[in-house]
Amino acid sequence: MGLNPAEWRQSPARQSPPGRPLPRRPPAPPLRPPAPGVAQQPRRRRLSRSRQAWLWVLAGFLVGLGTIGGLALPLVLTPQYAARTLLQYQVSTDDAGDTYRTGADFATQVALLTSPAVLGPVATANNVAMDDLTRRVSVTVLSANSVDSELLQVDVTNPDRATGVTLADAIAKQYLVVTRATGTAAVIQGQLNDARRQLATASAATQPALQIRVATLQGQLDTVHMTGEQASVATPAFSVTAPVSPQRLLTTAAGLLAGLVLAVLLLTPLARRWTRA
């Protein structure tokens, strides 16, 4: 037999023991309003499968479009070819064995090859702007078999192969002219000429010392001539077969990267809008 609500509330089971009141449930804390200036973040929905598929299709389309553009770019740009010549430079006997001085000698030769003393006459003779020729020339030091002799690789880029070879050959010849005019042999020859002029007008007391100096300088000059020229052409100018730019691999990678960046920039706002509550 069931109890009605009034009897159930007065039943012994609901009555608290003597001296012990029934525990009361604490009231729920009041809801606090958001702090001033702090906006509540809206809850976002999940993307549906159809919209996820659309995002993937659009991303693939943009990446593919960038890759195709990178592949087609070499067909639009004018190819640049490199004309190359190799020059051999032998350091002086005073600097041989000294790594620091040898490195400084080759750094000087690299600077000389790209200086107006070498490139200026070449630019004038071939009707090329000096600044344009300077941008097209690059010099690299290559190690050779000997410690005291290394190769200087000179590259000249030009859209026309024949013009590039002509410029590279002219640079090599002008470099030899400058090095012979300022090299060790030229310096010794100048000192020898001065000593001979002094000897011609010297007194009897100073002639023995000047004669020794003339003989010493002549011996040094003969030694330099026996060892050969300090700079020489190791390989005449020739045209490199493959173009140096544009390179299809680099343009393809750049196009793919551009497609990825474009996909992120365009599709991220679209995905945020579709997931907005």
Protein backbone atom coordinates (compact mmCIF):
# COMPACT_ATOMS: atom_id res chain seq x y z
CA MET A 1 0.00 0.00 0.00
CA GLY A 2 1.55 3.26 -1.06
CA LEU A 3 1.96 6.46 0.92
CA ASN A 4 0.78 9.80 -0.24
CA PRO A 5 3.35 12.62 -0.39
CA ALA A 6 2.32 14.08 2.96
CA GLU A 7 2.60 10.75 4.73
CA TRP A 8 5.91 10.01 2.95
CA ARG A 9 7.43 13.26 4.20
CA GLN A 10 6.30 12.42 7.74
CA SER A 11 7.49 8.82 7.57
CA PRO A 12 10.12 7.69 10.05
CA ALA A 13 12.59 7.11 7.24
CA ARG A 14 12.51 10.79 6.27
CA GLN A 15 12.71 12.04 9.84
CA SER A 16 16.16 12.97 11.04
CA PRO A 17 17.60 11.35 14.10
CA PRO A 18 17.07 13.20 17.34
CA GLY A 19 19.38 16.19 17.64
CA ARG A 20 20.66 15.93 14.06
CA PRO A 21 18.97 18.08 11.37
CA LEU A 22 18.78 16.91 7.83
CA PRO A 23 21.74 18.14 5.67
CA ARG A 24 20.79 20.81 3.21
CA ARG A 25 22.12 21.07 -0.30
CA PRO A 26 24.23 24.25 -0.72
CA PRO A 27 22.76 26.75 -3.14
CA ALA A 28 24.34 26.93 -6.62
CA PRO A 29 26.79 29.79 -7.03
CA PRO A 30 25.45 32.67 -9.09
CA LEU A 31 26.65 32.97 -12.69
CA ARG A 32 29.32 35.58 -13.01
CA PRO A 33 29.09 37.95 -15.93
CA PRO A 34 32.14 38.10 -18.24
CA ALA A 35 34.83 40.58 -17.28
CA PRO A 36 34.59 43.95 -18.98
CA GLY A 37 36.47 44.06 -22.28
CA VAL A 38 36.73 40.26 -22.58
CA ALA A 39 34.60 38.90 -25.41
CA GLN A 40 33.35 35.38 -25.22
CA GLN A 41 34.81 33.10 -27.86
CA PRO A 42 32.03 31.78 -30.10
CA ARG A 43 31.75 28.05 -30.31
CA ARG A 44 32.68 26.71 -33.74
CA ARG A 45 31.04 23.97 -35.69
CA ARG A 46 32.82 21.08 -37.30
CA LEU A 47 33.25 21.12 -41.05
CA SER A 48 31.03 18.77 -42.93
CA ARG A 49 32.64 16.13 -45.10
CA SER A 50 31.50 17.82 -48.28
CA ARG A 51 33.10 21.13 -47.31
CA GLN A 52 36.28 19.35 -46.22
CA ALA A 53 36.40 17.73 -49.64
CA TRP A 54 35.92 21.12 -51.31
CA LEU A 55 38.82 22.60 -49.31
CA TRP A 56 41.10 19.75 -50.31
CA VAL A 57 40.11 20.09 -53.96
CA LEU A 58 40.73 23.85 -53.93
CA ALA A 59 44.09 23.38 -52.16
CA GLY A 60 45.18 20.79 -54.71
CA PHE A 61 44.09 23.05 -57.55
CA LEU A 62 46.12 26.02 -56.22
CA VAL A 63 49.23 23.91 -55.57
CA GLY A 64 48.96 22.31 -59.00
CA LEU A 65 48.48 25.70 -60.62
CA GLY A 66 51.63 27.03 -58.93
CA THR A 67 53.63 23.96 -59.93
CA ILE A 68 52.53 24.24 -63.55
CA GLY A 69 53.48 27.91 -63.52
CA GLY A 70 56.94 27.04 -62.19
CA LEU A 71 57.38 24.42 -64.93
CA ALA A 72 56.31 26.87 -67.64
CA LEU A 73 58.41 29.80 -66.39
CA PRO A 74 61.65 28.68 -68.15
CA LEU A 75 59.73 28.69 -71.43
CA VAL A 76 58.90 32.40 -70.98
CA LEU A 77 62.17 33.76 -69.56
CA THR A 78 65.24 34.30 -71.72
CA PRO A 79 67.88 31.65 -70.91
CA GLN A 80 71.29 32.84 -69.75
CA TYR A 81 74.43 30.90 -70.70
CA ALA A 82 77.81 30.96 -69.02
CA ALA A 83 81.07 31.45 -70.90
CA ARG A 84 83.99 30.14 -68.84
CA THR A 85 87.75 30.49 -68.87
CA LEU A 86 90.35 29.18 -66.41
CA LEU A 87 93.38 31.26 -65.43
CA GLN A 88 96.38 29.87 -63.58
CA TYR A 89 98.11 32.12 -61.07
CA GLN A 90 101.41 31.25 -59.41
CA VAL A 91 102.27 32.99 -56.16
CA SER A 92 105.67 34.57 -55.63
CA THR A 93 108.45 32.60 -53.97
CA ASP A 94 108.33 34.92 -50.95
CA ASP A 95 104.68 34.00 -50.27
CA ALA A 96 104.99 30.29 -51.05
CA GLY A 97 104.21 28.13 -48.04
CA ASP A 98 102.47 30.95 -46.15
CA THR A 99 98.76 30.09 -46.18
CA TYR A 100 97.64 33.54 -45.05
CA ARG A 101 99.73 35.43 -47.63
CA THR A 102 98.79 32.95 -50.35
CA GLY A 103 95.10 33.45 -49.60
CA ALA A 104 95.60 37.21 -49.66
CA ASP A 105 97.33 36.92 -53.06
CA PHE A 106 94.37 35.07 -54.58
CA ALA A 107 91.86 37.43 -52.99
CA THR A 108 93.77 40.26 -54.65
CA GLN A 109 93.57 38.51 -58.02
CA VAL A 110 89.81 38.00 -57.66
CA ALA A 111 89.38 41.71 -56.90
CA LEU A 112 91.62 42.60 -59.83
CA LEU A 113 89.59 40.50 -62.28
CA THR A 114 86.41 42.40 -61.37
CA SER A 115 88.07 45.83 -61.16
CA PRO A 116 87.72 48.67 -63.70
CA ALA A 117 91.37 48.10 -64.70
CA VAL A 118 90.34 44.79 -66.29
CA LEU A 119 86.64 45.18 -67.04
CA GLY A 120 86.76 48.82 -68.14
CA PRO A 121 88.69 48.33 -71.41
CA VAL A 122 86.68 45.17 -72.16
CA ALA A 123 83.37 47.01 -71.71
CA THR A 124 84.52 49.88 -73.90
CA ALA A 125 85.85 47.65 -76.68
CA ASN A 126 82.65 45.56 -76.80
CA ASN A 127 80.18 48.45 -76.34
CA VAL A 128 78.82 47.09 -73.04
CA ALA A 129 77.88 49.10 -69.97
CA MET A 130 80.45 48.75 -67.21
CA ASP A 131 77.84 48.08 -64.51
CA ASP A 132 76.11 45.46 -66.67
CA LEU A 133 79.39 43.64 -67.34
CA THR A 134 80.32 43.71 -63.65
CA ARG A 135 77.01 42.03 -62.73
CA ARG A 136 77.59 39.32 -65.33
CA VAL A 137 81.14 38.39 -64.22
CA SER A 138 81.88 36.01 -61.33
CA VAL A 139 85.28 34.70 -60.23
CA THR A 140 85.91 31.52 -58.21
CA VAL A 141 89.21 30.20 -56.84
CA LEU A 142 89.68 26.50 -57.64
CA SER A 143 92.37 24.35 -56.03
CA ALA A 144 94.98 22.91 -58.37
CA ASN A 145 97.56 20.16 -57.88
CA SER A 146 100.21 22.52 -56.52
CA VAL A 147 99.88 24.33 -53.21
CA ASP A 148 101.45 27.47 -54.67
CA SER A 149 99.43 27.47 -57.89
CA GLU A 150 95.66 27.62 -58.18
CA LEU A 151 93.08 28.20 -60.86
CA LEU A 152 90.83 31.22 -61.18
CA GLN A 153 87.53 30.34 -62.83
CA VAL A 154 85.94 33.30 -64.63
CA ASP A 155 82.28 33.00 -65.67
CA VAL A 156 80.45 35.52 -67.85
CA THR A 157 76.67 35.10 -68.25
CA ASN A 158 74.99 36.27 -71.45
CA PRO A 159 71.90 35.26 -73.44
CA ASP A 160 74.09 34.86 -76.54
CA ARG A 161 76.74 32.15 -76.32
CA ALA A 162 79.16 33.72 -78.82
CA THR A 163 79.04 37.12 -77.10
CA GLY A 164 79.72 35.53 -73.72
CA VAL A 165 82.76 33.68 -75.06
CA THR A 166 84.09 36.89 -76.64
CA LEU A 167 83.72 38.77 -73.35
CA ALA A 168 85.35 36.00 -71.30
CA ASP A 169 88.29 35.80 -73.72
CA ALA A 170 88.76 39.59 -73.65
CA ILE A 171 88.69 39.62 -69.83
CA ALA A 172 91.38 36.92 -69.67
CA LYS A 173 93.65 38.81 -72.09
CA GLN A 174 93.20 42.13 -70.30
CA TYR A 175 93.93 40.45 -66.98
CA LEU A 176 97.23 39.13 -68.32
CA VAL A 177 98.14 42.62 -69.56
CA VAL A 178 97.48 44.13 -66.12
CA THR A 179 99.29 41.39 -64.17
CA ARG A 180 102.35 41.60 -66.41
CA ALA A 181 102.46 45.37 -65.97
CA THR A 182 102.20 45.13 -62.18
CA GLY A 183 103.64 41.67 -61.49
CA THR A 184 106.91 40.57 -59.95
CA ALA A 185 108.84 40.66 -63.21
CA ALA A 186 107.67 44.21 -63.96
CA VAL A 187 108.65 45.40 -60.48
CA ILE A 188 112.11 43.82 -60.71
CA GLN A 189 112.60 45.19 -64.23
CA GLY A 190 111.77 48.69 -63.00
CA GLN A 191 114.24 48.42 -60.14
CA LEU A 192 116.88 47.06 -62.53
CA ASN A 193 116.42 49.97 -64.92
CA ASP A 194 116.79 52.46 -62.07
CA ALA A 195 119.97 50.74 -60.84
CA ARG A 196 121.48 50.81 -64.34
CA ARG A 197 120.73 54.53 -64.71
CA GLN A 198 122.37 55.23 -61.35
CA LEU A 199 125.37 53.12 -62.33
CA ALA A 200 125.88 55.11 -65.55
CA THR A 201 126.35 58.36 -63.62
CA ALA A 202 127.79 56.99 -60.37
CA SER A 203 131.18 57.88 -58.97
CA ALA A 204 133.99 55.40 -58.69
CA ALA A 205 133.31 54.94 -54.97
CA THR A 206 129.64 53.91 -55.41
CA GLN A 207 130.03 51.87 -58.58
CA PRO A 208 130.96 48.56 -56.85
CA ALA A 209 127.79 48.59 -54.71
CA LEU A 210 125.61 49.50 -57.70
CA GLN A 211 127.21 46.76 -59.80
CA ILE A 212 126.37 44.21 -57.10
CA ARG A 213 122.77 45.51 -57.00
CA VAL A 214 122.47 45.29 -60.79
CA ALA A 215 123.78 41.72 -60.78
CA THR A 216 121.41 40.72 -57.97
CA LEU A 217 118.36 42.20 -59.69
CA GLN A 218 119.34 40.61 -62.98
CA GLY A 219 119.59 37.22 -61.27
CA GLN A 220 116.14 37.66 -59.69
CA LEU A 221 114.67 38.64 -63.05
CA ASP A 222 116.23 35.62 -64.73
CA THR A 223 114.78 33.37 -62.03
CA VAL A 224 111.29 34.81 -62.55
CA HIS A 225 111.59 34.31 -66.30
CA MET A 226 112.76 30.72 -65.81
CA THR A 227 109.74 29.88 -63.64
CA GLY A 228 107.40 31.20 -66.30
CA GLU A 229 104.71 33.83 -66.24
CA GLN A 230 103.01 34.44 -62.91
CA ALA A 231 99.59 34.37 -64.60
CA SER A 232 98.57 32.42 -67.69
CA VAL A 233 95.48 31.07 -69.44
CA ALA A 234 94.95 27.44 -68.43
CA THR A 235 91.78 26.90 -70.50
CA PRO A 236 90.60 29.20 -73.31
CA ALA A 237 87.09 30.60 -73.11
CA PHE A 238 84.26 28.17 -73.92
CA SER A 239 80.49 28.09 -73.53
CA VAL A 240 78.91 25.89 -70.85
CA THR A 241 76.28 23.60 -72.37
CA ALA A 242 73.45 23.89 -69.84
CA PRO A 243 71.94 27.33 -69.19
CA VAL A 244 72.70 28.80 -65.79
CA SER A 245 69.24 30.38 -65.52
CA PRO A 246 66.39 29.85 -65.29
CA GLN A 247 66.77 26.40 -63.75
CA ARG A 248 63.65 24.26 -64.16
CA LEU A 249 64.08 22.50 -60.81
CA LEU A 250 64.29 25.77 -58.88
CA THR A 251 61.38 27.39 -60.71
CA THR A 252 59.22 24.30 -60.16
CA ALA A 253 60.01 24.28 -56.42
CA ALA A 254 59.28 28.00 -56.23
CA GLY A 255 55.95 27.53 -58.01
CA LEU A 256 54.94 24.69 -55.69
CA LEU A 257 55.82 26.78 -52.63
CA ALA A 258 53.87 29.75 -54.00
CA GLY A 259 50.84 27.49 -54.52
CA LEU A 260 51.04 26.24 -50.92
CA VAL A 261 51.25 29.76 -49.53
CA LEU A 262 48.35 30.92 -51.70
CA ALA A 263 46.23 27.96 -50.57
CA VAL A 264 46.85 28.73 -46.90
CA LEU A 265 46.09 32.44 -47.33
CA LEU A 266 42.86 31.90 -49.26
CA LEU A 267 41.42 28.75 -47.69
CA THR A 268 42.07 29.49 -44.01
CA PRO A 269 39.55 32.42 -43.88
CA LEU A 270 37.05 30.29 -45.83
CA ALA A 271 37.36 27.42 -43.35
CA ARG A 272 36.91 29.83 -40.43
CA ARG A 273 33.75 31.27 -41.97
CA TRP A 274 32.23 27.83 -42.56
CA THR A 275 32.91 26.76 -38.94
CA ARG A 276 31.54 29.94 -37.41
CA ALA A 277 28.52 29.27 -35.15
